[in-house]
Structure formats: C-alpha cells, structure tokens
Amino acid sequence: MRLFKKKETKEYKHVHKITKIEEDSIAEALKIKPGDELLTINGQEMADVLDYHYLIHDENIELLIRKPNGKEKLFEFEKDYDDDLGIEFEDGLMDDYKSCHNKCIFCFIDQMPKGMRETLYFKDDDSRLSFLQGNYITLTNLSEAEIDRMIKYKLSPINISVQATNPELRCKMLNNRFAGNIMDIIGRFADAGIMMNTQVVLCKGYNDGAELDRTITDLSKYADNIIGLSVVPAGLTKFREGLAKLYEFDEKESMDVLIQIHNWQEKMLKTCGSRFVFASDEWYIKANHPIPPASYYEGYGQLENGVGMIRSLVDEVHEAIGNYSYEGREKLVSIATGVIAYPYIKELADFVSDHFPKVKVNVYKIINNFFGESITVAGLITGKDLIEQLTGIELGEKLLLTETMFRSGEETLLDDLTKTDVENALQTEIAIVKSEGDAFISSILE
C-alpha cells in the first residue's frame, strides 16, 4: 500500500464528504477520516453512489482524498475485487433524491391528510433506491442516459412497479403520457441479463380482469429474467377527495383475483417450472381463503411486498418454539396489531402461552381511524390510534409493536409521535419487535 501527495489541484464537479469510517476497514488502515472529501476513484469523479460502487469493484484502486485543510492526497492500493472500503458519506446516495413526476390514481401519498411531516409527502421514484433498498420504481422518471448506465453497471435486481403493460392504460393509471414504453425498457434489461422483480397494484375496474391477464402474458415472455410478479391491492384511505374513484375488492372479487392468479400459476409451473405470479397475503384474507404452505412461495422471493409474510412468521414461530424455555414468574404482556394480521397474531400468541402457561399474552386489534378503516395493515398504524384505543386497557408489563410501525431505524411513528410518547401516555414499556419468529417468541418471554 503506497501513499502519494497530490500537488496539483483543480475544481471538481462532484465532491463527497465522508461522515463515518468503519472499524478494521481499508479506509481506516489508510487513515482516512470523517470530514475528508472523496474526489475521484481511479481518476474518475462520481455523480452518485452507483458510480462509487461500480468503481470500487476493482483490484487496483487509486483514491483522491481532500483533507479539511485543503490538501489533496492520492492513495494507491490493491484489494480483493469485492472488498468494500468502509466509507460512509454525508448523503446516502451521494446525490439528491429523485422525485416521482407521475400522478398515479392509487398513489398513497396523495391520500394523506395535511399537516404531517414534510418527508412523508415526498414521492421517490429513484432507480438507485430500487437497487440499494428494494424500492419499486415505475421507470417513467429515467432518462436514456440513466437507462444506459443501469445496463452498463448491470444493476440487479431492479424492482419495477408495472401496473399494466397496455400502453394506453398505463399512461392513464400513471397520468403520464410517456409511461407506455414499459415493455421496451424491460426487454432491454432482459437482453442485458438484468434480473427484475415486478409488481402490479390492482385497481378495480382498471387493470384487473382481462387487463391483468394481458400484463401477466406480456411479462411471462421474460420469465427467465423476471424473478416474480406480485399482485397487491391498492391501499385506499379516507382522504381521496378530488382523486380518481377507486373501490375496495369485496370477498367474492378477491376470490376471483385468487382464482385468476392460481390458474396462471398452473400454466407457468408447466412452462417454466415456477409459479411466477403471486398474490399478496391481503387477497387470501379478504377472500377468507387459507394461507398457502411455505412451499407455495418458492423461497419467499416477494416477501417484502407482502407475499407470504404471514406464512413465514407462523412457520418460524412453530419451528423455533422448541428452542425456548421459561422458568420465571407469572406475567402478562400485550401485542397491538392491525386488523388484517390480528387473527394470525392472536393464534400465535395463544400458541406461545400454551407452551408457557405462566405467560399470558393479550392481543389487541387496532382500527385505523387515522387513515380510515379500509387501511388494515400494522405498518400504517399511528401513535394517536394506539393511545386512543389502548388507554385504560390492561397491557401488563409491556406492549409489543412490530418494527413496521416505525420509521426505518428510528422510534418515530407515522404521525410523528415517538415510542416514548406512547409509553408515557399508556404508562407501559414498549418493545419494538422484528417480524421474525425468534423475535416474536423472545420478546414475549424476556
């Protein structure tokens, strides 16, 4: 490893401030510090995090760093191809976030009340977040240069919110006259060997029925590159004044959607060995249909999109229960969850109590008064609804809440009330629990 001082200085279009250096990393060994600025890698500037990740995947690296005193230093070293440098930047994307310019008829952000924190009204449609964090993007906010760069860097997988492959219908649903070329871009990605996850947000009277058949047909042509297609119902709040008229799927209509998807799965199993298209858990619950077994989900490739989350949690709890014992005193704990998951969480809580009779678990169903009763998932429950519906109720030693209720990595709920705010209001300790079987059991027993 060699270190050279850089004598000549120049102006750089992209300068990236370093905020953290990981312990025992390459950057720490080089004595790079927080406050330093990264200027180039192998002589090239970086517009954003994608350029950074592409350039560090090499065995011979030259980093040009500018110190807080203005001096520039060039670090030249060798590393394994996949080794990270251990550098974190002031901005996670090393650039501004890109917003969405669509006006989708089902957009959840357009259905939120006024007066919430500003960040909740930001619509992202950033291809970098699709690759880095799993966000779904519409591909409508990409320039040709950005598409070419994604292909050059072979970003994979890309998560694509399709909605419909019918060009006219897709333009209508996204309120974007340029939205109709979705299959052209997917074809280009497939030709480049890029893998994709796809999604359809189903809106009654728009992209269901025959249009859903067309979408599945079109996407199935690229089954070798599309990991899977998930179909989820549009979430409709009570704040839809001035927006397109959309309606909930009832029990029969939900069953019709399931039958349609199951028929397609039979076809796809015969032709490509995979079910390819999956219904999210909401459809089974709306249709009052049993949740399929684990084998049905083929490794849970669409888990983050609500496909198989309940089955995964149920099976994990049943498999893990034998690893636990409880010799403590009698105690009571509580769980609060959304309407849609309530019967399954209640069943799992009773299952744990049956194994450990000294532990009683109360499970409470929270009605979403904030967004409207049609919103039934736990992840959209607010602190206000928790306080209003749990005040005066016996909660025991602590209240367990799923991590999906809170802002990622933080203790703040959607309405800006914090874990501490709710604890103080309910006079009960709150434990934030991961959506995993081990976490479910251990949080009850601890």
Protein backbone atom coordinates (compact mmCIF):
# COMPACT_ATOMS: atom_id res chain seq x y z
CA MET A 1 0.00 0.00 0.00
CA ARG A 2 1.51 3.34 -1.06
CA LEU A 3 0.62 6.92 -0.31
CA PHE A 4 1.40 9.86 -2.60
CA LYS A 5 0.72 13.54 -2.12
CA LYS A 6 -1.15 15.27 -4.89
CA LYS A 7 0.42 18.61 -5.73
CA GLU A 8 -1.84 19.95 -8.45
CA THR A 9 -5.36 20.99 -7.51
CA LYS A 10 -8.43 21.63 -9.63
CA GLU A 11 -12.15 22.20 -9.32
CA TYR A 12 -14.33 19.13 -9.04
CA LYS A 13 -17.96 18.91 -10.10
CA HIS A 14 -18.75 16.18 -7.57
CA VAL A 15 -17.30 16.30 -4.06
CA HIS A 16 -18.46 13.76 -1.46
CA LYS A 17 -17.98 14.42 2.25
CA ILE A 18 -17.12 11.40 4.38
CA THR A 19 -19.03 11.11 7.66
CA LYS A 20 -18.02 7.70 9.00
CA ILE A 21 -15.21 5.15 8.67
CA GLU A 22 -15.92 1.53 9.63
CA GLU A 23 -13.59 -0.17 12.10
CA ASP A 24 -10.96 -2.52 10.67
CA SER A 25 -11.75 -1.32 7.14
CA ILE A 26 -9.44 -0.42 4.28
CA ALA A 27 -10.27 3.25 4.79
CA GLU A 28 -9.30 3.06 8.47
CA ALA A 29 -5.97 1.44 7.56
CA LEU A 30 -5.32 4.30 5.14
CA LYS A 31 -6.07 6.80 7.94
CA ILE A 32 -8.92 8.37 6.00
CA LYS A 33 -11.04 10.34 8.49
CA PRO A 34 -14.59 11.66 8.81
CA GLY A 35 -14.57 15.18 7.38
CA ASP A 36 -12.32 14.19 4.48
CA GLU A 37 -13.76 14.51 0.97
CA LEU A 38 -13.62 11.87 -1.75
CA LEU A 39 -12.80 13.44 -5.13
CA THR A 40 -12.03 10.60 -7.55
CA ILE A 41 -11.59 6.84 -7.81
CA ASN A 42 -9.10 5.70 -10.43
CA GLY A 43 -9.13 9.21 -11.85
CA GLN A 44 -12.91 9.35 -12.31
CA GLU A 45 -15.38 11.58 -10.48
CA MET A 46 -18.59 10.06 -9.12
CA ALA A 47 -22.00 11.56 -9.65
CA ASP A 48 -23.58 9.30 -7.04
CA VAL A 49 -23.44 6.05 -5.09
CA LEU A 50 -23.88 3.90 -8.19
CA ASP A 51 -20.68 5.30 -9.71
CA TYR A 52 -18.95 4.74 -6.37
CA HIS A 53 -19.96 1.07 -6.09
CA TYR A 54 -19.08 0.43 -9.72
CA LEU A 55 -15.62 1.98 -9.41
CA ILE A 56 -14.59 0.30 -6.14
CA HIS A 57 -15.23 -3.13 -7.66
CA ASP A 58 -11.66 -3.45 -8.83
CA GLU A 59 -8.42 -4.90 -7.52
CA ASN A 60 -6.25 -1.84 -8.14
CA ILE A 61 -7.59 1.37 -6.63
CA GLU A 62 -6.47 4.99 -6.56
CA LEU A 63 -8.42 7.25 -4.18
CA LEU A 64 -8.00 11.01 -4.35
CA ILE A 65 -8.90 12.48 -0.97
CA ARG A 66 -9.05 16.14 0.07
CA LYS A 67 -8.32 16.87 3.72
CA PRO A 68 -10.15 19.58 5.70
CA ASN A 69 -7.09 21.83 5.32
CA GLY A 70 -7.47 21.70 1.54
CA LYS A 71 -4.55 19.37 0.85
CA GLU A 72 -5.17 16.52 -1.59
CA LYS A 73 -3.68 13.05 -1.17
CA LEU A 74 -3.67 10.12 -3.57
CA PHE A 75 -3.91 6.64 -2.05
CA GLU A 76 -2.90 3.73 -4.27
CA PHE A 77 -3.51 0.17 -3.11
CA GLU A 78 -4.61 -3.34 -4.05
CA LYS A 79 -7.60 -5.22 -2.62
CA ASP A 80 -9.87 -8.16 -3.38
CA TYR A 81 -12.36 -7.35 -6.12
CA ASP A 82 -15.47 -7.41 -3.90
CA ASP A 83 -13.95 -5.77 -0.80
CA ASP A 84 -15.72 -2.65 0.42
CA LEU A 85 -13.70 0.37 1.51
CA GLY A 86 -15.65 1.03 4.72
CA ILE A 87 -16.64 4.61 3.87
CA GLU A 88 -19.99 6.26 4.62
CA PHE A 89 -20.98 9.60 3.15
CA GLU A 90 -22.92 12.66 4.24
CA ASP A 91 -25.69 11.72 1.82
CA GLY A 92 -26.52 8.03 1.45
CA LEU A 93 -26.98 8.39 -2.31
CA MET A 94 -24.06 10.82 -2.65
CA ASP A 95 -26.62 12.94 -4.53
CA ASP A 96 -30.12 14.39 -4.17
CA TYR A 97 -33.08 12.02 -4.14
CA LYS A 98 -35.08 11.94 -7.36
CA SER A 99 -38.80 12.52 -7.06
CA CYS A 100 -41.67 10.98 -8.99
CA HIS A 101 -43.48 13.12 -11.57
CA ASN A 102 -46.40 10.74 -12.03
CA LYS A 103 -49.87 11.27 -10.64
CA CYS A 104 -50.86 7.64 -10.14
CA ILE A 105 -54.55 7.10 -9.45
CA PHE A 106 -53.70 4.88 -6.44
CA CYS A 107 -50.76 6.87 -5.02
CA PHE A 108 -50.81 6.57 -1.24
CA ILE A 109 -49.01 9.86 -0.71
CA ASP A 110 -51.81 11.74 -2.48
CA GLN A 111 -54.20 10.17 0.04
CA MET A 112 -52.55 11.54 3.18
CA PRO A 113 -54.01 14.38 5.24
CA LYS A 114 -52.35 17.76 5.53
CA GLY A 115 -50.15 18.69 8.44
CA MET A 116 -47.88 15.65 8.60
CA ARG A 117 -44.09 15.85 8.45
CA GLU A 118 -42.75 17.11 5.13
CA THR A 119 -40.76 13.98 4.28
CA LEU A 120 -43.97 11.91 4.15
CA TYR A 121 -45.14 13.87 1.11
CA PHE A 122 -42.01 13.18 -0.92
CA LYS A 123 -42.63 10.76 -3.79
CA ASP A 124 -39.46 8.89 -4.67
CA ASP A 125 -39.01 7.07 -7.95
CA ASP A 126 -35.25 6.71 -7.76
CA SER A 127 -33.60 3.83 -9.61
CA ARG A 128 -30.72 3.88 -7.14
CA LEU A 129 -33.08 3.14 -4.24
CA SER A 130 -34.52 0.23 -6.21
CA PHE A 131 -31.09 -1.36 -6.36
CA LEU A 132 -29.89 -0.37 -2.89
CA GLN A 133 -33.04 -0.59 -0.75
CA GLY A 134 -35.53 -2.62 -2.77
CA ASN A 135 -37.89 0.26 -3.59
CA TYR A 136 -40.20 -0.25 -6.56
CA ILE A 137 -39.88 2.21 -9.43
CA THR A 138 -42.07 2.95 -12.45
CA LEU A 139 -39.20 3.54 -14.94
CA THR A 140 -41.02 6.69 -16.10
CA ASN A 141 -38.59 9.11 -14.45
CA LEU A 142 -35.47 7.75 -16.15
CA SER A 143 -33.52 9.43 -18.91
CA GLU A 144 -31.97 7.39 -21.72
CA ALA A 145 -28.57 8.05 -20.16
CA GLU A 146 -29.75 6.62 -16.83
CA ILE A 147 -31.16 3.50 -18.51
CA ASP A 148 -27.87 3.02 -20.35
CA ARG A 149 -25.95 3.41 -17.09
CA MET A 150 -28.13 0.80 -15.32
CA ILE A 151 -27.39 -1.59 -18.17
CA LYS A 152 -23.68 -0.75 -18.15
CA TYR A 153 -23.45 -1.34 -14.39
CA LYS A 154 -25.71 -4.42 -14.66
CA LEU A 155 -27.74 -3.33 -11.63
CA SER A 156 -29.64 -6.36 -10.46
CA PRO A 157 -32.27 -6.96 -9.33
CA ILE A 158 -34.35 -3.95 -10.32
CA ASN A 159 -37.79 -3.69 -8.69
CA ILE A 160 -40.39 -2.42 -11.17
CA SER A 161 -43.92 -1.24 -10.45
CA VAL A 162 -45.63 -2.24 -13.69
CA GLN A 163 -49.40 -1.83 -13.03
CA ALA A 164 -50.27 -2.60 -16.68
CA THR A 165 -48.45 -3.44 -19.90
CA ASN A 166 -51.24 -2.00 -22.05
CA PRO A 167 -49.58 1.31 -23.07
CA GLU A 168 -52.78 3.39 -23.10
CA LEU A 169 -53.97 2.01 -19.76
CA ARG A 170 -50.59 2.50 -18.10
CA CYS A 171 -50.47 6.13 -19.27
CA LYS A 172 -53.94 6.63 -17.83
CA MET A 173 -53.19 5.00 -14.47
CA LEU A 174 -49.92 6.87 -14.01
CA ASN A 175 -51.21 10.10 -15.53
CA ASN A 176 -48.03 10.22 -17.60
CA ARG A 177 -48.16 10.25 -21.39
CA PHE A 178 -44.66 8.75 -21.55
CA ALA A 179 -45.49 5.72 -19.38
CA GLY A 180 -46.46 3.38 -22.21
CA ASN A 181 -42.98 2.10 -23.14
CA ILE A 182 -42.62 -0.18 -20.11
CA MET A 183 -42.13 -3.38 -22.14
CA ASP A 184 -39.42 -1.80 -24.28
CA ILE A 185 -37.34 -0.99 -21.19
CA ILE A 186 -37.98 -4.38 -19.58
CA GLY A 187 -36.87 -6.01 -22.84
CA ARG A 188 -33.65 -4.01 -22.84
CA PHE A 189 -32.94 -5.01 -19.24
CA ALA A 190 -33.62 -8.67 -20.04
CA ASP A 191 -31.30 -8.55 -23.07
CA ALA A 192 -28.58 -7.20 -20.77
CA GLY A 193 -29.05 -10.08 -18.33
CA ILE A 194 -30.53 -7.90 -15.58
CA MET A 195 -32.89 -9.64 -13.17
CA MET A 196 -36.15 -7.96 -12.17
CA ASN A 197 -38.88 -8.14 -9.54
CA THR A 198 -42.22 -6.84 -10.79
CA GLN A 199 -45.38 -5.63 -9.11
CA VAL A 200 -48.97 -4.81 -10.03
CA VAL A 201 -51.05 -2.59 -7.75
CA LEU A 202 -54.52 -3.80 -8.66
CA CYS A 203 -57.28 -1.22 -9.04
CA LYS A 204 -60.84 -2.45 -9.54
CA GLY A 205 -62.19 -1.57 -12.97
CA TYR A 206 -58.79 -0.52 -14.31
CA ASN A 207 -56.05 -3.15 -14.50
CA ASP A 208 -57.90 -6.22 -13.21
CA GLY A 209 -59.67 -8.98 -15.18
CA ALA A 210 -58.61 -9.16 -18.83
CA GLU A 211 -56.01 -6.42 -18.34
CA LEU A 212 -54.31 -8.44 -15.60
CA ASP A 213 -54.26 -11.42 -17.98
CA ARG A 214 -52.58 -9.24 -20.60
CA THR A 215 -50.00 -7.97 -18.11
CA ILE A 216 -49.11 -11.47 -16.92
CA THR A 217 -48.93 -12.70 -20.51
CA ASP A 218 -46.57 -9.90 -21.55
CA LEU A 219 -44.30 -10.23 -18.51
CA SER A 220 -44.18 -14.02 -18.72
CA LYS A 221 -42.28 -13.69 -22.00
CA TYR A 222 -39.33 -12.57 -19.88
CA ALA A 223 -39.73 -15.24 -17.20
CA ASP A 224 -36.02 -16.07 -17.39
CA ASN A 225 -35.17 -12.57 -16.15
CA ILE A 226 -38.21 -11.73 -14.03
CA ILE A 227 -37.84 -13.31 -10.60
CA GLY A 228 -41.54 -12.94 -9.91
CA LEU A 229 -44.65 -10.80 -10.22
CA SER A 230 -46.60 -9.83 -7.11
CA VAL A 231 -50.19 -8.60 -7.26
CA VAL A 232 -51.24 -6.33 -4.37
CA PRO A 233 -54.50 -4.43 -3.79
CA ALA A 234 -54.41 -0.63 -3.85
CA GLY A 235 -54.48 0.89 -0.37
CA LEU A 236 -57.32 3.39 -0.12
CA THR A 237 -57.51 5.92 2.72
CA LYS A 238 -60.46 8.16 3.61
CA PHE A 239 -58.60 11.17 2.19
CA ARG A 240 -59.46 10.76 -1.50
CA GLU A 241 -61.40 13.93 -2.20
CA GLY A 242 -60.68 15.13 -5.74
CA LEU A 243 -58.93 11.87 -6.69
CA ALA A 244 -60.00 9.09 -9.07
CA LYS A 245 -62.90 6.98 -7.86
CA LEU A 246 -61.47 3.70 -6.62
CA TYR A 247 -63.25 0.96 -4.71
CA GLU A 248 -62.27 -1.91 -2.43
CA PHE A 249 -62.40 -5.50 -3.65
CA ASP A 250 -65.05 -7.44 -1.72
CA GLU A 251 -64.78 -11.09 -0.66
CA LYS A 252 -66.09 -12.54 -3.93
CA GLU A 253 -63.99 -10.22 -6.06
CA SER A 254 -60.91 -11.08 -4.02
CA MET A 255 -61.59 -14.76 -4.58
CA ASP A 256 -61.93 -14.09 -8.32
CA VAL A 257 -58.47 -12.49 -8.27
CA LEU A 258 -57.05 -15.52 -6.45
CA ILE A 259 -58.63 -17.94 -8.91
CA GLN A 260 -57.20 -15.94 -11.81
CA ILE A 261 -53.72 -15.95 -10.28
CA HIS A 262 -53.89 -19.63 -9.33
CA ASN A 263 -54.86 -20.54 -12.91
CA TRP A 264 -51.86 -18.62 -14.19
CA GLN A 265 -49.61 -20.37 -11.67
CA GLU A 266 -50.65 -23.76 -13.01
CA LYS A 267 -49.77 -22.65 -16.53
CA MET A 268 -46.43 -21.17 -15.51
CA LEU A 269 -45.41 -24.23 -13.50
CA LYS A 270 -45.83 -26.33 -16.63
CA THR A 271 -43.98 -23.94 -18.94
CA CYS A 272 -41.14 -22.57 -16.82
CA GLY A 273 -41.13 -24.53 -13.56
CA SER A 274 -42.14 -21.59 -11.37
CA ARG A 275 -45.49 -20.12 -10.33
CA PHE A 276 -44.10 -16.72 -11.47
CA VAL A 277 -47.07 -14.63 -10.27
CA PHE A 278 -48.13 -14.42 -6.62
CA ALA A 279 -50.97 -12.83 -4.69
CA SER A 280 -50.11 -10.83 -1.58
CA ASP A 281 -51.47 -12.00 1.75
CA GLU A 282 -54.33 -9.46 1.70
CA TRP A 283 -56.11 -11.33 -1.10
CA TYR A 284 -56.29 -14.54 0.92
CA ILE A 285 -57.57 -12.74 3.98
CA LYS A 286 -60.11 -10.68 2.01
CA ALA A 287 -61.33 -13.84 0.27
CA ASN A 288 -61.44 -15.81 3.54
CA HIS A 289 -59.14 -18.35 1.92
CA PRO A 290 -56.44 -20.33 3.82
CA ILE A 291 -52.87 -19.04 3.54
CA PRO A 292 -50.84 -21.44 1.35
CA PRO A 293 -47.97 -23.58 2.73
CA ALA A 294 -44.36 -22.45 2.64
CA SER A 295 -43.52 -24.50 -0.47
CA TYR A 296 -46.03 -22.45 -2.44
CA TYR A 297 -43.92 -19.28 -2.06
CA GLU A 298 -40.80 -20.74 -3.68
CA GLY A 299 -38.31 -19.25 -1.25
CA TYR A 300 -40.29 -16.10 -0.41
CA GLY A 301 -38.81 -14.01 -3.22
CA GLN A 302 -41.55 -11.36 -2.83
CA LEU A 303 -41.67 -11.31 0.98
CA GLU A 304 -41.04 -7.56 1.27
CA ASN A 305 -44.06 -6.97 -0.95
CA GLY A 306 -46.41 -8.75 1.44
CA VAL A 307 -46.31 -12.12 -0.33
CA GLY A 308 -46.07 -14.90 2.25
CA MET A 309 -45.29 -12.74 5.28
CA ILE A 310 -47.94 -14.41 7.43
CA ARG A 311 -46.96 -17.96 6.42
CA SER A 312 -43.31 -17.17 7.05
CA LEU A 313 -43.98 -15.79 10.54
CA VAL A 314 -46.33 -18.63 11.52
CA ASP A 315 -43.87 -21.30 10.43
CA GLU A 316 -40.91 -19.58 12.08
CA VAL A 317 -42.72 -19.40 15.43
CA HIS A 318 -43.75 -23.06 15.27
CA GLU A 319 -40.22 -24.15 14.32
CA ALA A 320 -38.49 -22.02 16.96
CA ILE A 321 -40.71 -22.69 19.98
CA GLY A 322 -38.73 -25.79 20.98
CA ASN A 323 -35.59 -23.67 21.41
CA TYR A 324 -37.09 -21.73 24.33
CA SER A 325 -37.86 -22.37 27.96
CA TYR A 326 -39.38 -20.22 30.69
CA GLU A 327 -38.91 -20.72 34.40
CA GLY A 328 -39.85 -17.23 35.55
CA ARG A 329 -42.84 -15.88 37.41
CA GLU A 330 -46.32 -15.41 36.04
CA LYS A 331 -46.64 -12.35 33.87
CA LEU A 332 -48.80 -10.56 31.30
CA VAL A 333 -47.66 -8.84 28.09
CA SER A 334 -49.68 -7.35 25.23
CA ILE A 335 -49.44 -7.05 21.47
CA ALA A 336 -51.15 -4.43 19.28
CA THR A 337 -51.51 -5.12 15.58
CA GLY A 338 -53.58 -4.28 12.52
CA VAL A 339 -56.93 -5.74 11.57
CA ILE A 340 -55.60 -7.91 8.75
CA ALA A 341 -52.96 -9.71 10.82
CA TYR A 342 -54.94 -9.87 14.07
CA PRO A 343 -56.32 -13.44 13.84
CA TYR A 344 -52.88 -14.84 12.99
CA ILE A 345 -51.06 -12.89 15.70
CA LYS A 346 -53.73 -13.92 18.22
CA GLU A 347 -53.30 -17.57 17.23
CA LEU A 348 -49.51 -17.33 17.58
CA ALA A 349 -49.77 -15.58 20.95
CA ASP A 350 -52.07 -18.33 22.23
CA PHE A 351 -49.64 -20.91 20.86
CA VAL A 352 -46.78 -19.38 22.91
CA SER A 353 -49.00 -19.15 26.02
CA ASP A 354 -49.98 -22.81 25.67
CA HIS A 355 -46.31 -23.76 25.75
CA PHE A 356 -45.52 -21.45 28.66
CA PRO A 357 -48.62 -21.33 30.92
CA LYS A 358 -47.09 -18.74 33.22
CA VAL A 359 -47.05 -16.21 30.38
CA LYS A 360 -50.34 -14.63 29.31
CA VAL A 361 -50.47 -12.60 26.10
CA ASN A 362 -53.28 -10.19 25.25
CA VAL A 363 -53.58 -9.24 21.57
CA TYR A 364 -55.42 -6.06 20.60
CA LYS A 365 -56.81 -5.21 17.18
CA ILE A 366 -56.18 -1.55 16.27
CA ILE A 367 -58.75 0.05 13.96
CA ASN A 368 -57.11 2.62 11.68
CA ASN A 369 -59.21 5.69 12.44
CA PHE A 370 -56.44 7.97 11.22
CA PHE A 371 -56.37 6.82 7.57
CA GLY A 372 -59.73 5.05 7.54
CA GLU A 373 -60.94 1.57 8.45
CA SER A 374 -60.11 0.20 5.00
CA ILE A 375 -56.42 0.51 5.89
CA THR A 376 -55.80 -2.67 7.85
CA VAL A 377 -52.02 -3.26 7.89
CA ALA A 378 -49.99 -2.77 11.06
CA GLY A 379 -47.36 -0.68 9.28
CA LEU A 380 -49.79 2.25 8.87
CA ILE A 381 -50.99 2.43 12.48
CA THR A 382 -50.34 5.79 14.14
CA GLY A 383 -49.41 6.68 17.68
CA LYS A 384 -52.69 8.52 18.11
CA ASP A 385 -54.74 5.42 17.32
CA LEU A 386 -52.61 3.34 19.68
CA ILE A 387 -53.14 5.77 22.54
CA GLU A 388 -56.87 6.27 21.93
CA GLN A 389 -57.66 2.56 21.68
CA LEU A 390 -55.35 1.21 24.39
CA THR A 391 -55.79 3.80 27.14
CA GLY A 392 -57.38 2.21 30.20
CA ILE A 393 -56.83 -1.34 28.92
CA GLU A 394 -54.77 -3.88 30.82
CA LEU A 395 -51.45 -4.08 28.96
CA GLY A 396 -49.33 -5.85 31.55
CA GLU A 397 -45.58 -5.44 31.81
CA LYS A 398 -45.00 -4.30 28.26
CA LEU A 399 -46.60 -3.68 24.88
CA LEU A 400 -45.09 -5.30 21.80
CA LEU A 401 -45.26 -3.41 18.49
CA THR A 402 -43.93 -4.52 15.12
CA GLU A 403 -41.00 -2.58 13.71
CA THR A 404 -43.03 -1.86 10.57
CA MET A 405 -44.99 0.77 12.53
CA PHE A 406 -41.86 2.86 12.97
CA ARG A 407 -39.70 4.90 10.64
CA SER A 408 -36.78 2.74 9.49
CA GLY A 409 -34.05 2.64 12.13
CA GLU A 410 -35.91 5.05 14.41
CA GLU A 411 -38.58 5.11 17.12
CA THR A 412 -41.00 7.51 15.39
CA LEU A 413 -44.45 6.53 14.17
CA LEU A 414 -46.22 7.91 11.08
CA ASP A 415 -47.86 10.80 12.93
CA ASP A 416 -44.53 11.86 14.49
CA LEU A 417 -45.40 10.53 17.93
CA THR A 418 -42.46 8.59 19.34
CA LYS A 419 -42.17 5.33 21.24
CA THR A 420 -41.57 7.40 24.37
CA ASP A 421 -44.69 9.50 23.73
CA VAL A 422 -46.83 6.37 23.54
CA GLU A 423 -45.12 4.81 26.56
CA ASN A 424 -45.82 7.91 28.64
CA ALA A 425 -49.44 8.07 27.51
CA LEU A 426 -50.11 4.38 28.22
CA GLN A 427 -47.79 4.12 31.23
CA THR A 428 -46.36 0.92 29.79
CA GLU A 429 -42.98 -0.11 28.40
CA ILE A 430 -42.96 -0.67 24.63
CA ALA A 431 -40.75 -3.20 22.85
CA ILE A 432 -40.22 -2.84 19.08
CA VAL A 433 -40.18 -6.33 17.57
CA LYS A 434 -38.82 -7.62 14.26
CA SER A 435 -41.22 -9.61 12.07
CA GLU A 436 -39.41 -12.88 12.73
CA GLY A 437 -40.38 -15.99 14.65
CA ASP A 438 -37.47 -15.89 17.10
CA ALA A 439 -38.07 -12.21 17.83
CA PHE A 440 -41.78 -12.85 18.39
CA ILE A 441 -41.14 -15.55 20.99
CA SER A 442 -38.18 -13.94 22.74
CA SER A 443 -39.94 -10.57 23.07
CA ILE A 444 -42.82 -12.29 24.88
CA LEU A 445 -40.62 -14.35 27.20
CA GLU A 446 -37.89 -11.86 28.06
